[in-house]
Protein backbone atom coordinates (compact mmCIF):
# COMPACT_ATOMS: atom_id res chain seq x y z
CA MET A 1 154.21 125.62 48.98
CA VAL A 2 155.63 128.56 47.02
CA ARG A 3 156.44 126.32 44.05
CA PHE A 4 152.94 124.90 44.21
CA LEU A 5 151.37 128.37 44.15
CA LEU A 6 153.66 129.51 41.33
CA ARG A 7 152.66 126.53 39.19
CA ARG A 8 149.01 127.24 39.84
CA PHE A 9 149.45 130.92 39.02
CA VAL A 10 151.03 130.12 35.66
CA GLY A 11 148.18 127.76 34.88
CA TYR A 12 145.57 130.36 35.79
CA ALA A 13 147.36 133.04 33.79
CA VAL A 14 147.27 130.86 30.68
CA LEU A 15 143.55 130.27 31.19
CA VAL A 16 142.94 134.02 31.56
CA VAL A 17 144.74 134.69 28.26
CA ILE A 18 142.71 131.99 26.52
CA ALA A 19 139.44 133.30 27.96
CA ALA A 20 140.26 136.88 26.97
CA CYS A 21 141.15 135.88 23.40
CA LEU A 22 138.06 133.73 22.97
CA GLY A 23 135.90 136.50 24.46
CA TYR A 24 137.13 139.04 21.94
CA LEU A 25 136.89 136.67 18.96
CA LEU A 26 133.35 135.65 19.93
CA ALA A 27 132.25 139.27 20.41
CA ALA A 28 133.90 140.43 17.17
CA SER A 29 132.33 137.57 15.21
CA SER A 30 128.78 137.80 16.57
CA LEU A 31 128.17 141.48 17.30
CA ASP A 32 127.39 144.00 14.56
CA PRO A 33 128.64 147.53 15.38
CA ARG A 34 127.63 148.70 11.89
CA SER A 35 123.96 148.31 12.82
CA ASN A 36 124.31 151.29 15.21
CA PHE A 37 124.53 153.57 12.16
CA GLU A 38 121.52 152.11 10.38
CA GLY A 39 118.09 153.73 10.42
CA ARG A 40 119.39 157.25 10.86
CA ASN A 41 117.76 160.11 9.03
CA PRO A 42 119.53 161.30 6.97
CA PRO A 43 121.59 158.09 6.54
CA PRO A 44 125.36 158.65 6.96
CA PRO A 45 127.54 157.99 3.88
CA PRO A 46 128.98 154.44 3.83
CA GLU A 47 132.49 155.89 3.54
CA SER A 48 132.00 157.83 6.79
CA VAL A 49 130.68 154.77 8.57
CA ASP A 50 133.65 152.69 7.39
CA ARG A 51 136.09 155.39 8.54
CA VAL A 52 134.54 155.61 12.00
CA LEU A 53 134.47 151.83 12.43
CA SER A 54 138.06 151.53 11.22
CA ASP A 55 139.18 154.18 13.72
CA LEU A 56 137.51 152.15 16.48
CA ASN A 57 138.92 148.85 15.17
CA LEU A 58 135.34 147.62 14.62
CA ASN A 59 135.11 147.50 10.83
CA ASP A 60 133.66 144.13 9.85
CA ASP A 61 135.09 144.53 6.35
CA GLU A 62 138.52 143.88 7.83
CA PRO A 63 139.51 140.28 8.76
CA VAL A 64 138.63 139.42 12.34
CA LEU A 65 142.15 138.14 13.02
CA GLU A 66 143.59 141.46 11.88
CA ARG A 67 141.29 143.31 14.27
CA PHE A 68 142.20 140.81 16.98
CA GLY A 69 145.91 141.50 16.49
CA THR A 70 145.31 145.25 16.81
CA TRP A 71 143.28 144.70 19.98
CA VAL A 72 145.93 142.46 21.56
CA GLY A 73 148.62 145.03 20.79
CA GLY A 74 146.58 147.70 22.54
CA VAL A 75 145.85 145.52 25.59
CA LEU A 76 149.56 144.81 26.03
CA ARG A 77 150.05 148.59 26.27
CA GLY A 78 147.14 148.95 28.71
CA ASP A 79 144.74 150.25 26.03
CA PHE A 80 141.43 148.38 25.64
CA GLY A 81 140.35 150.54 22.73
CA ARG A 82 137.39 152.90 22.58
CA THR A 83 133.67 152.44 23.01
CA ILE A 84 131.22 152.75 20.15
CA GLY A 85 130.79 156.36 21.26
CA GLY A 86 134.53 157.07 20.96
CA GLU A 87 135.42 157.27 24.67
CA PRO A 88 138.43 155.33 26.05
CA VAL A 89 137.27 151.99 27.47
CA ILE A 90 139.91 152.00 30.22
CA ASP A 91 138.55 155.22 31.79
CA GLU A 92 135.00 153.93 32.17
CA MET A 93 136.28 150.49 33.11
CA GLY A 94 138.26 151.85 36.05
CA ARG A 95 135.22 153.61 37.50
CA ARG A 96 132.87 150.67 37.04
CA MET A 97 135.36 148.18 38.46
CA GLY A 98 135.34 150.13 41.72
CA VAL A 99 131.55 150.04 41.82
CA SER A 100 131.33 146.29 41.21
CA LEU A 101 134.15 145.33 43.56
CA ARG A 102 132.71 147.44 46.36
CA LEU A 103 129.50 145.46 46.06
CA LEU A 104 130.92 142.01 45.30
CA LEU A 105 133.71 141.89 47.89
CA LEU A 106 131.56 142.81 50.86
CA ALA A 107 128.57 140.71 49.81
CA SER A 108 130.59 137.60 48.97
CA VAL A 109 132.54 137.67 52.25
CA LEU A 110 129.43 138.22 54.37
CA GLY A 111 127.46 135.63 52.42
CA GLY A 112 130.25 133.07 52.72
CA VAL A 113 130.75 133.58 56.47
CA LEU A 114 127.02 133.49 57.18
CA GLY A 115 126.55 130.40 55.02
CA VAL A 116 129.38 128.54 56.78
CA LEU A 117 127.94 129.42 60.20
CA VAL A 118 124.40 128.37 59.28
CA GLY A 119 125.58 125.16 57.63
CA THR A 120 127.83 124.21 60.54
CA VAL A 121 125.13 124.82 63.15
CA GLY A 122 122.64 122.88 61.04
CA ALA A 123 124.99 119.87 60.86
CA VAL A 124 125.83 119.89 64.57
CA ARG A 125 122.14 120.22 65.48
CA GLN A 126 120.94 117.83 62.79
CA TYR A 127 117.16 117.22 62.63
CA ARG A 128 116.44 119.71 65.41
CA PHE A 129 114.16 122.71 65.00
CA SER A 130 116.97 125.10 64.09
CA ASP A 131 118.19 122.69 61.38
CA HIS A 132 114.71 122.31 59.90
CA ALA A 133 114.11 126.09 60.04
CA THR A 134 117.38 127.04 58.32
CA THR A 135 116.88 124.30 55.72
CA LEU A 136 113.40 125.59 54.90
CA LEU A 137 114.55 129.20 54.69
CA SER A 138 117.55 128.22 52.58
CA PHE A 139 115.47 126.31 50.05
CA LEU A 140 112.91 129.12 49.89
CA THR A 141 115.72 131.58 49.14
CA LEU A 142 117.31 129.28 46.58
CA ALA A 143 113.96 128.85 44.86
CA THR A 144 113.60 132.63 44.54
CA PRO A 145 115.42 134.14 41.54
CA VAL A 146 117.96 136.81 42.42
CA PHE A 147 116.11 139.52 40.51
CA LEU A 148 112.84 138.67 42.30
CA LEU A 149 114.59 138.76 45.67
CA ALA A 150 116.00 142.18 44.80
CA VAL A 151 112.56 143.49 43.78
CA LEU A 152 111.00 142.19 47.02
CA LEU A 153 113.69 143.93 49.07
CA LYS A 154 113.09 147.12 47.11
CA LEU A 155 109.35 146.96 47.80
CA ALA A 156 110.06 146.32 51.50
CA ALA A 157 112.30 149.40 51.61
CA LEU A 158 109.58 151.51 49.99
CA GLN A 159 107.07 150.34 52.60
CA LEU A 160 109.51 150.94 55.45
CA ASN A 161 110.23 154.48 54.27
CA ARG A 162 106.51 155.15 53.89
CA VAL A 163 105.75 153.97 57.42
CA ALA A 164 108.67 155.93 58.89
CA GLY A 165 107.72 159.07 56.98
CA ARG A 166 111.29 159.59 55.81
CA THR A 167 114.00 157.81 53.84
CA ILE A 168 115.71 155.25 56.06
CA VAL A 169 116.92 152.83 53.38
CA TYR A 170 117.86 153.95 49.90
CA TYR A 171 116.84 151.65 47.06
CA THR A 172 118.42 153.23 44.00
CA GLY A 173 121.85 154.61 43.10
CA GLU A 174 125.28 154.32 44.67
CA ALA A 175 125.12 157.64 46.55
CA THR A 176 122.97 160.73 46.90
CA PRO A 177 123.84 163.10 44.01
CA GLY A 178 125.43 166.36 45.15
CA LEU A 179 125.57 165.40 48.83
CA GLN A 180 127.73 167.77 50.89
CA GLY A 181 128.81 167.31 54.47
CA ALA A 182 131.34 165.75 56.79
CA TRP A 183 133.15 162.56 55.83
CA TRP A 184 131.03 160.46 58.17
CA GLN A 185 127.82 161.79 56.58
CA ILE A 186 129.09 160.82 53.12
CA ALA A 187 130.19 157.41 54.44
CA LEU A 188 126.79 156.85 56.09
CA ASP A 189 125.07 157.75 52.84
CA ARG A 190 127.21 155.19 50.99
CA VAL A 191 126.32 152.52 53.55
CA GLN A 192 122.60 153.28 53.25
CA HIS A 193 122.78 152.87 49.48
CA LEU A 194 124.90 149.73 49.83
CA LEU A 195 122.56 147.98 52.26
CA LEU A 196 119.85 146.58 49.97
CA PRO A 197 121.98 145.35 47.03
CA THR A 198 124.43 143.77 49.46
CA LEU A 199 121.60 142.10 51.37
CA ALA A 200 120.16 140.65 48.16
CA ILE A 201 123.47 138.99 47.28
CA VAL A 202 124.22 137.94 50.88
CA LEU A 203 120.90 136.11 51.27
CA ALA A 204 121.35 134.19 48.03
CA GLN A 205 124.99 133.34 48.75
CA ALA A 206 124.37 132.34 52.37
CA ALA A 207 121.55 129.98 51.38
CA PHE A 208 123.77 128.44 48.71
CA TYR A 209 126.85 127.97 50.89
CA SER A 210 124.92 126.71 53.90
CA ARG A 211 123.71 123.63 52.03
CA TYR A 212 127.21 122.66 50.96
CA GLN A 213 128.72 123.43 54.35
CA ARG A 214 126.08 121.35 56.14
CA ASN A 215 126.84 118.30 53.99
CA ALA A 216 130.60 118.77 54.34
CA MET A 217 130.28 119.05 58.10
CA LEU A 218 128.07 115.98 58.34
CA ASP A 219 130.77 113.95 56.57
CA VAL A 220 133.30 115.08 59.15
CA LEU A 221 131.17 114.51 62.26
CA GLY A 222 131.37 110.73 61.91
CA SER A 223 135.08 110.60 61.15
CA ASP A 224 137.61 108.64 63.18
CA PHE A 225 140.01 111.55 63.73
CA LEU A 226 137.27 113.59 65.42
CA ARG A 227 136.46 110.76 67.84
CA THR A 228 140.17 110.32 68.50
CA ALA A 229 140.55 114.00 69.32
CA GLN A 230 137.71 113.76 71.86
CA ALA A 231 139.17 110.55 73.30
CA LYS A 232 142.45 112.39 73.93
CA GLY A 233 140.67 114.91 76.15
CA LEU A 234 139.37 117.66 73.88
CA ARG A 235 135.86 118.84 74.54
CA ARG A 236 133.35 118.31 71.74
CA ARG A 237 133.23 122.01 70.91
CA GLN A 238 137.03 122.26 70.81
CA ALA A 239 137.30 119.18 68.61
CA LEU A 240 134.65 120.50 66.24
CA LEU A 241 136.25 123.91 65.88
CA ARG A 242 139.90 122.83 65.82
CA HIS A 243 139.61 119.73 63.66
CA GLY A 244 136.09 119.23 62.32
CA LEU A 245 135.35 122.69 60.94
CA ARG A 246 138.86 123.09 59.57
CA THR A 247 138.58 119.86 57.60
CA ALA A 248 135.08 120.68 56.35
CA LEU A 249 136.29 124.08 55.10
CA ILE A 250 138.87 122.57 52.71
CA PRO A 251 136.41 121.84 49.87
CA MET A 252 134.39 124.93 50.74
CA SER A 253 137.38 127.23 50.29
CA THR A 254 137.74 126.19 46.66
CA PHE A 255 134.01 126.43 46.07
CA PHE A 256 133.79 129.87 47.70
CA ALA A 257 136.67 131.35 45.72
CA TYR A 258 135.43 130.22 42.33
CA GLN A 259 131.87 131.23 43.13
CA PHE A 260 133.17 134.74 43.84
CA GLY A 261 134.69 134.85 40.38
CA LEU A 262 131.34 133.90 38.85
CA LEU A 263 129.33 136.26 41.06
CA LEU A 264 129.57 138.98 38.42
CA THR A 265 126.71 137.31 36.53
CA GLY A 266 124.30 137.45 39.45
CA ALA A 267 125.35 140.99 40.30
CA THR A 268 124.19 142.11 36.84
CA PHE A 269 120.56 141.88 37.91
CA ILE A 270 121.31 143.59 41.22
CA GLU A 271 123.07 146.48 39.50
CA LYS A 272 120.23 146.92 37.04
CA ILE A 273 117.47 146.86 39.67
CA PHE A 274 119.19 149.11 42.21
CA GLY A 275 120.74 151.50 39.69
CA TRP A 276 124.37 150.62 40.35
CA HIS A 277 126.46 151.38 37.27
CA GLY A 278 128.98 148.56 37.53
CA MET A 279 130.60 146.02 35.24
CA GLY A 280 127.57 143.74 35.03
CA GLU A 281 125.23 146.49 33.85
CA TRP A 282 127.92 147.72 31.44
CA PHE A 283 128.26 144.26 29.94
CA VAL A 284 124.53 143.95 29.24
CA ASP A 285 124.35 147.45 27.76
CA SER A 286 127.43 146.83 25.59
CA VAL A 287 126.00 143.59 24.18
CA ASN A 288 122.77 145.39 23.33
CA GLY A 289 124.80 148.20 21.77
CA ASN A 290 127.12 145.86 19.78
CA ASP A 291 130.14 147.38 21.52
CA VAL A 292 132.84 144.77 20.89
CA ASN A 293 135.66 146.48 22.78
CA VAL A 294 133.59 146.86 25.95
CA VAL A 295 132.42 143.24 25.85
CA ALA A 296 136.04 142.12 25.47
CA ALA A 297 137.16 144.34 28.36
CA VAL A 298 134.47 142.96 30.70
CA THR A 299 135.50 139.44 29.68
CA VAL A 300 139.09 140.21 30.69
CA PHE A 301 137.84 141.58 34.03
CA ALA A 302 135.76 138.44 34.71
CA ALA A 303 138.69 136.19 33.77
CA ALA A 304 140.99 138.15 36.09
CA LEU A 305 138.47 137.67 38.91
CA VAL A 306 138.58 133.93 38.37
CA LEU A 307 142.41 134.04 38.44
CA VAL A 308 142.43 135.92 41.75
CA ALA A 309 139.72 133.63 43.13
CA GLY A 310 141.68 130.55 42.11
CA MET A 311 144.84 131.81 43.80
CA LEU A 312 142.89 132.59 46.97
CA ALA A 313 141.38 129.10 46.88
CA ASP A 314 144.81 127.48 46.57
CA LEU A 315 146.21 129.67 49.35
CA ALA A 316 143.30 128.83 51.66
CA HIS A 317 143.69 125.15 50.80
CA ALA A 318 147.38 125.30 51.71
CA VAL A 319 146.59 126.97 55.03
CA LEU A 320 143.87 124.48 55.94
CA ASP A 321 145.58 121.32 54.67
CA PRO A 322 149.18 120.80 55.90
CA ARG A 323 149.79 118.16 53.20
CA VAL A 324 149.81 120.90 50.53
CA ARG A 325 152.63 122.81 52.25
CA ILE A 326 155.16 120.01 51.89
CA ARG A 327 154.75 119.64 48.13
C-alpha cells in the first residue's frame, strides 16, 4: 500500500506543479497591473511606473517567460513575491489560509458526515416518509444558490437577534474586534461568528452528498454479499453497517476528498457575504486589482488542497477496500 500511495503522491505533485505554472502564466498574460496607475491626477511618469512594476516582477514590457522564471525562483525559496501594494504575499497568505481552513475543514467534515447519514437512512427507508422528506429538502437546498442561502441565513440571524433583544448569532466578521476576556469567552465568540458561514456550507454539502450516498447505498442493498452476510447469522443492521455502508463509502471517499479541494470556490461567496477575509475573497479582490502574484499564490494554495484531498481519498480507499492494500 505504501508503494501505491507514493506513486499517487508523485502523480499529484506533478499535477500541482503544472497547475501552479499554468495559473501564473494565465494570470500574467491576461491581467494588466499597469492599469492600476492609470487615471491618477497628476499622472505618474512612465519611467516611475516601469520601475515599480519591474520591482514587483509585473512589468508587461518584459517577456512573460522571463517574469515566470523569476517567479518560480522565488517560489522555490518560499517567496511568492509582493502584492501590487508592495507587501509580501507570503505574510498575508499565511493569515488568510488560517481563516479559510478554519471554515472549510469544519464545514466539509460536518457536511460530509451529515450527507452520508441522510443518504444512508434514505436508502434503507426507501420510499417512506423520511426518504421523501429528505429528498425534497435536499433538492430545495440544491436548487438554492450558495450566496442566496447565505443571505437567507443572515436575514434569519438578524430577525432572531431582534426578537431576542440582544446579539445571539453574529453574522459578520471572524471575531469581535478588541474583545478582552478569558480564553473561553474568546473561544465562544469565535464559535458564534463561525456558526452561520459554517451552516451555509454544511447545508449545501449535506444536500449534495446525500443524493450520491443514497444511490450508492441502494446499489449495495441488493448485492449478493449482503444477503450472504445475513444468511450467515448477522442481523440486518450489523450487515448494513459492517459490509453495506463500508462498500458504499468507497466511491464516496474519493468524491468527498476532491470536493473538499474544490470547496474554495463556493467559500468565496460565503467569505464575501459574512465578512471573512480568507483566500476566496482575496482571490476575487486580486483579480479585480490585476494583482498577478496574489492570483498565482491562491492558485498554488488551491492546487495544494487538491493534492492533500487526493491523498486522503487514496488513503480512505485503501482503508475501505482491502484489495488496494495488497498492490
